[in-house]
Amino acid sequence: ELSTIVLAYYYFEKICCLDKIVKKNRKLIAATCLLLAAKYNESTLFQIQDIFLQKKFFKSIKEIFFIKKQMILKNEFHTFVLLDFNLNANLHDLNIHLNHFKNLIHFQFNSMLM
């Protein structure tokens, strides 16, 4: 879901502003931000009966970020601390990121058509 990706990007940007991201940990923090955003935004994904969706989620993260589920889960609390235990986002900031992603998707779609 696009709103989950935008929320994860927002979390990642907040942590970047704290100067806590280095080349060594950027993929782990990005993947963990995606996990936190999915838990916050798509709570049904992480209910017990949706084990299949959880496996698919972590498999996708492993394919994109090359990070195992165990590493992400170990880093989850640390990332939550960096976000000051606050997963709420400013709607104005989210709209800026959402418009950025919409423009990017629109540009890529139009590039494929040409």
Protein backbone atom coordinates (compact mmCIF):
# COMPACT_ATOMS: atom_id res chain seq x y z
CA GLU A 1 0.00 0.00 0.00
CA LEU A 2 1.36 3.39 -1.03
CA SER A 3 0.39 5.05 2.26
CA THR A 4 2.50 2.49 4.15
CA ILE A 5 5.52 3.19 1.96
CA VAL A 6 5.06 6.94 2.45
CA LEU A 7 4.83 6.46 6.21
CA ALA A 8 8.00 4.30 6.22
CA TYR A 9 9.81 6.98 4.23
CA TYR A 10 8.64 9.58 6.75
CA TYR A 11 10.05 7.49 9.63
CA PHE A 12 13.32 6.95 7.77
CA GLU A 13 13.63 10.68 7.09
CA LYS A 14 13.04 11.48 10.77
CA ILE A 15 15.87 9.14 11.72
CA CYS A 16 18.11 10.63 9.01
CA CYS A 17 17.56 14.04 10.58
CA LEU A 18 18.90 12.63 13.86
CA ASP A 19 22.13 11.75 12.03
CA LYS A 20 21.81 8.09 13.06
CA ILE A 21 22.05 6.51 9.62
CA VAL A 22 25.32 5.37 8.12
CA LYS A 23 26.03 3.22 5.08
CA LYS A 24 26.34 0.13 7.30
CA ASN A 25 22.83 0.37 8.83
CA ARG A 26 20.73 2.20 6.24
CA LYS A 27 19.06 -0.87 4.73
CA LEU A 28 18.31 -2.36 8.15
CA ILE A 29 16.74 0.87 9.38
CA ALA A 30 14.78 1.31 6.13
CA ALA A 31 13.44 -2.25 6.38
CA THR A 32 12.57 -1.74 10.04
CA CYS A 33 10.78 1.53 9.24
CA LEU A 34 8.75 -0.38 6.67
CA LEU A 35 7.86 -2.97 9.30
CA LEU A 36 6.78 -0.30 11.80
CA ALA A 37 4.76 1.51 9.14
CA ALA A 38 3.04 -1.72 8.12
CA LYS A 39 2.22 -2.56 11.73
CA TYR A 40 0.83 0.92 12.30
CA ASN A 41 -0.96 1.38 8.99
CA GLU A 42 -2.01 -2.16 8.13
CA SER A 43 -2.71 -3.75 11.50
CA THR A 44 -4.65 -6.61 9.93
CA LEU A 45 -1.44 -7.77 8.22
CA PHE A 46 0.03 -8.67 11.60
CA GLN A 47 -2.91 -10.47 13.14
CA ILE A 48 -2.29 -14.12 13.97
CA GLN A 49 -4.58 -15.47 11.25
CA ASP A 50 -2.59 -13.71 8.52
CA ILE A 51 0.60 -15.78 8.83
CA PHE A 52 0.72 -16.16 5.04
CA LEU A 53 0.74 -12.37 4.52
CA GLN A 54 3.43 -11.95 7.18
CA LYS A 55 5.65 -14.53 5.46
CA LYS A 56 5.09 -12.80 2.12
CA PHE A 57 5.92 -9.42 3.70
CA PHE A 58 9.21 -10.64 5.19
CA LYS A 59 10.11 -12.53 2.01
CA SER A 60 9.65 -9.33 0.01
CA ILE A 61 11.78 -7.37 2.45
CA LYS A 62 14.51 -10.00 2.23
CA GLU A 63 14.46 -9.85 -1.58
CA ILE A 64 14.62 -6.04 -1.65
CA PHE A 65 16.93 -5.25 1.28
CA PHE A 66 18.81 -8.60 1.64
CA ILE A 67 18.06 -8.57 5.38
CA LYS A 68 16.69 -11.49 7.36
CA LYS A 69 13.52 -11.29 9.41
CA GLN A 70 15.40 -11.91 12.67
CA MET A 71 17.64 -8.87 12.14
CA ILE A 72 14.67 -6.63 11.46
CA LEU A 73 12.82 -7.86 14.54
CA LYS A 74 15.93 -7.35 16.69
CA ASN A 75 16.22 -3.78 15.40
CA GLU A 76 12.53 -2.95 15.77
CA PHE A 77 12.65 -1.63 19.34
CA HIS A 78 15.83 0.39 18.69
CA THR A 79 14.17 2.07 15.70
CA PHE A 80 11.04 2.69 17.74
CA VAL A 81 13.23 4.42 20.36
CA LEU A 82 14.83 6.60 17.67
CA LEU A 83 11.30 7.67 16.70
CA ASP A 84 10.64 8.62 20.34
CA PHE A 85 7.95 5.90 20.56
CA ASN A 86 5.81 8.04 18.26
CA LEU A 87 4.45 6.51 15.07
CA ASN A 88 1.96 9.31 14.45
CA ALA A 89 2.84 11.47 11.49
CA ASN A 90 2.14 15.05 10.58
CA LEU A 91 -0.41 14.98 7.74
CA HIS A 92 1.21 17.93 6.00
CA ASP A 93 4.57 16.11 5.88
CA LEU A 94 2.92 12.91 4.68
CA ASN A 95 1.14 14.78 1.88
CA ILE A 96 4.47 16.18 0.69
CA HIS A 97 5.93 12.66 0.49
CA LEU A 98 2.75 11.24 -1.02
CA ASN A 99 2.79 13.83 -3.80
CA HIS A 100 6.47 13.10 -4.40
CA PHE A 101 5.75 9.37 -4.80
CA LYS A 102 2.73 10.03 -7.01
CA ASN A 103 4.83 12.22 -9.30
CA LEU A 104 7.57 9.60 -9.39
CA ILE A 105 5.12 6.83 -10.28
CA HIS A 106 3.46 9.03 -12.90
CA PHE A 107 6.85 9.92 -14.43
CA GLN A 108 7.95 6.27 -14.55
CA PHE A 109 4.63 5.19 -16.08
CA ASN A 110 4.86 7.88 -18.76
CA SER A 111 8.48 6.95 -19.48
CA MET A 112 7.44 3.35 -20.13
CA LEU A 113 4.79 4.48 -22.61
CA MET A 114 7.25 6.43 -24.75
